[in-house]
Amino acid sequence: MLPLVIDQQQVFTFKFWFNDQIQTGMQFQNELFCQIASVDLTLRSQAYQRACKLAQQGLHLVITCTSNECCIWASLREELVKELLANPSYSFF
């Protein structure tokens, strides 16, 4: 399943505490997501390609865009997301 790309104004964002850090989350279509990456809008094609590769591994992803950045969000139900949040040294790119 390919990642859904939407305008960030269509989602509700919030902050939550996980692994001794404040994380950014969002709610969209009755699902909770965690921000796993944020990149400059000029890198949106690379972000989409990377998100597609992760989606092929079974992750439920959403990409939101504003006028200057792209954010990649993964469902909080995914075990891999919990591992990514627990390992702050992980680099999305």
C-alpha atoms as a PDB file:
ATOM      1  CA  MET A   1       0.000   0.000   0.000  1.00  0.00           C
ATOM      2  CA  LEU A   2       1.426   3.384  -1.003  1.00  0.00           C
ATOM      3  CA  PRO A   3       1.666   6.182   1.577  1.00  0.00           C
ATOM      4  CA  LEU A   4      -1.162   8.680   1.548  1.00  0.00           C
ATOM      5  CA  VAL A   5      -0.070  12.286   0.837  1.00  0.00           C
ATOM      6  CA  ILE A   6      -2.231  14.988   2.415  1.00  0.00           C
ATOM      7  CA  ASP A   7      -2.147  18.647   3.396  1.00  0.00           C
ATOM      8  CA  GLN A   8      -1.004  18.999   6.998  1.00  0.00           C
ATOM      9  CA  GLN A   9      -3.969  21.275   7.723  1.00  0.00           C
ATOM     10  CA  GLN A  10      -6.218  18.193   7.432  1.00  0.00           C
ATOM     11  CA  VAL A  11      -4.723  16.485  10.492  1.00  0.00           C
ATOM     12  CA  PHE A  12      -4.737  17.069  14.237  1.00  0.00           C
ATOM     13  CA  THR A  13      -1.217  17.131  15.727  1.00  0.00           C
ATOM     14  CA  PHE A  14      -0.292  16.644  19.371  1.00  0.00           C
ATOM     15  CA  LYS A  15       2.721  15.968  21.585  1.00  0.00           C
ATOM     16  CA  PHE A  16       3.253  12.844  23.670  1.00  0.00           C
ATOM     17  CA  TRP A  17       5.931  11.431  25.943  1.00  0.00           C
ATOM     18  CA  PHE A  18       7.815   8.270  24.910  1.00  0.00           C
ATOM     19  CA  ASN A  19      11.255   6.947  25.877  1.00  0.00           C
ATOM     20  CA  ASP A  20      12.131  10.048  27.919  1.00  0.00           C
ATOM     21  CA  GLN A  21      11.475  12.363  24.967  1.00  0.00           C
ATOM     22  CA  ILE A  22       8.635  14.467  23.660  1.00  0.00           C
ATOM     23  CA  GLN A  23       7.380  13.075  20.359  1.00  0.00           C
ATOM     24  CA  THR A  24       5.041  14.592  17.776  1.00  0.00           C
ATOM     25  CA  GLY A  25       1.923  12.661  16.928  1.00  0.00           C
ATOM     26  CA  MET A  26      -1.096  13.182  14.749  1.00  0.00           C
ATOM     27  CA  GLN A  27      -4.566  11.807  14.365  1.00  0.00           C
ATOM     28  CA  PHE A  28      -6.038  11.138  10.936  1.00  0.00           C
ATOM     29  CA  GLN A  29      -9.057   8.995  10.037  1.00  0.00           C
ATOM     30  CA  ASN A  30      -9.362   7.461  13.521  1.00  0.00           C
ATOM     31  CA  GLU A  31      -5.708   6.355  13.530  1.00  0.00           C
ATOM     32  CA  LEU A  32      -2.790   7.663  15.609  1.00  0.00           C
ATOM     33  CA  PHE A  33       0.567   8.288  13.949  1.00  0.00           C
ATOM     34  CA  CYS A  34       4.031   9.339  15.086  1.00  0.00           C
ATOM     35  CA  GLN A  35       6.277  11.644  13.108  1.00  0.00           C
ATOM     36  CA  ILE A  36       9.321   9.642  12.030  1.00  0.00           C
ATOM     37  CA  ALA A  37      10.879  12.269   9.757  1.00  0.00           C
ATOM     38  CA  SER A  38      10.590  15.890   8.726  1.00  0.00           C
ATOM     39  CA  VAL A  39      12.410  17.243   5.682  1.00  0.00           C
ATOM     40  CA  ASP A  40      12.542  20.415   3.645  1.00  0.00           C
ATOM     41  CA  LEU A  41       9.923  20.520   0.913  1.00  0.00           C
ATOM     42  CA  THR A  42      12.677  20.422  -1.716  1.00  0.00           C
ATOM     43  CA  LEU A  43      13.419  16.834  -0.568  1.00  0.00           C
ATOM     44  CA  ARG A  44       9.818  15.634  -0.902  1.00  0.00           C
ATOM     45  CA  SER A  45      10.549  13.236  -3.766  1.00  0.00           C
ATOM     46  CA  GLN A  46      13.276  11.505  -1.739  1.00  0.00           C
ATOM     47  CA  ALA A  47      10.974  11.401   1.283  1.00  0.00           C
ATOM     48  CA  TYR A  48       8.219   9.831  -0.804  1.00  0.00           C
ATOM     49  CA  GLN A  49      10.603   7.225  -2.247  1.00  0.00           C
ATOM     50  CA  ARG A  50      11.845   6.290   1.226  1.00  0.00           C
ATOM     51  CA  ALA A  51       8.286   6.154   2.553  1.00  0.00           C
ATOM     52  CA  CYS A  52       7.293   3.855  -0.342  1.00  0.00           C
ATOM     53  CA  LYS A  53      10.119   1.460   0.541  1.00  0.00           C
ATOM     54  CA  LEU A  54       8.972   1.362   4.161  1.00  0.00           C
ATOM     55  CA  ALA A  55       5.351   0.901   3.084  1.00  0.00           C
ATOM     56  CA  GLN A  56       6.410  -2.126   1.034  1.00  0.00           C
ATOM     57  CA  GLN A  57       7.606  -3.631   4.317  1.00  0.00           C
ATOM     58  CA  GLY A  58       4.067  -3.308   5.646  1.00  0.00           C
ATOM     59  CA  LEU A  59       4.191  -0.001   7.498  1.00  0.00           C
ATOM     60  CA  HIS A  60       1.055   2.161   7.431  1.00  0.00           C
ATOM     61  CA  LEU A  61       2.405   5.622   6.495  1.00  0.00           C
ATOM     62  CA  VAL A  62       1.060   9.091   5.796  1.00  0.00           C
ATOM     63  CA  ILE A  63       2.982  12.027   4.350  1.00  0.00           C
ATOM     64  CA  THR A  64       1.865  15.550   5.156  1.00  0.00           C
ATOM     65  CA  CYS A  65       3.080  18.692   3.451  1.00  0.00           C
ATOM     66  CA  THR A  66       3.106  22.360   4.308  1.00  0.00           C
ATOM     67  CA  SER A  67       4.478  25.231   2.250  1.00  0.00           C
ATOM     68  CA  ASN A  68       8.026  24.514   3.481  1.00  0.00           C
ATOM     69  CA  GLU A  69       8.285  20.952   4.829  1.00  0.00           C
ATOM     70  CA  CYS A  70       7.247  17.346   4.405  1.00  0.00           C
ATOM     71  CA  CYS A  71       6.578  15.077   7.378  1.00  0.00           C
ATOM     72  CA  ILE A  72       6.458  11.299   7.332  1.00  0.00           C
ATOM     73  CA  TRP A  73       4.154   9.681   9.863  1.00  0.00           C
ATOM     74  CA  ALA A  74       3.872   6.004  10.815  1.00  0.00           C
ATOM     75  CA  SER A  75       1.029   4.302  12.625  1.00  0.00           C
ATOM     76  CA  LEU A  76       1.626   3.918  16.343  1.00  0.00           C
ATOM     77  CA  ARG A  77       0.292   0.357  16.066  1.00  0.00           C
ATOM     78  CA  GLU A  78       3.460  -0.690  14.238  1.00  0.00           C
ATOM     79  CA  GLU A  79       6.131  -2.444  16.318  1.00  0.00           C
ATOM     80  CA  LEU A  80       8.878  -0.989  14.094  1.00  0.00           C
ATOM     81  CA  VAL A  81       7.741   2.534  15.007  1.00  0.00           C
ATOM     82  CA  LYS A  82       8.135   1.760  18.691  1.00  0.00           C
ATOM     83  CA  GLU A  83      11.658   0.492  17.961  1.00  0.00           C
ATOM     84  CA  LEU A  84      12.463   3.649  15.961  1.00  0.00           C
ATOM     85  CA  LEU A  85      11.262   5.863  18.808  1.00  0.00           C
ATOM     86  CA  ALA A  86      13.286   3.874  21.311  1.00  0.00           C
ATOM     87  CA  ASN A  87      16.421   4.341  19.179  1.00  0.00           C
ATOM     88  CA  PRO A  88      16.886   8.105  18.715  1.00  0.00           C
ATOM     89  CA  SER A  89      20.074   7.600  16.709  1.00  0.00           C
ATOM     90  CA  TYR A  90      18.066   6.082  13.811  1.00  0.00           C
ATOM     91  CA  SER A  91      18.339   8.172  10.656  1.00  0.00           C
ATOM     92  CA  PHE A  92      15.416   8.148   8.254  1.00  0.00           C
ATOM     93  CA  PHE A  93      17.653   9.104   5.323  1.00  0.00           C
END
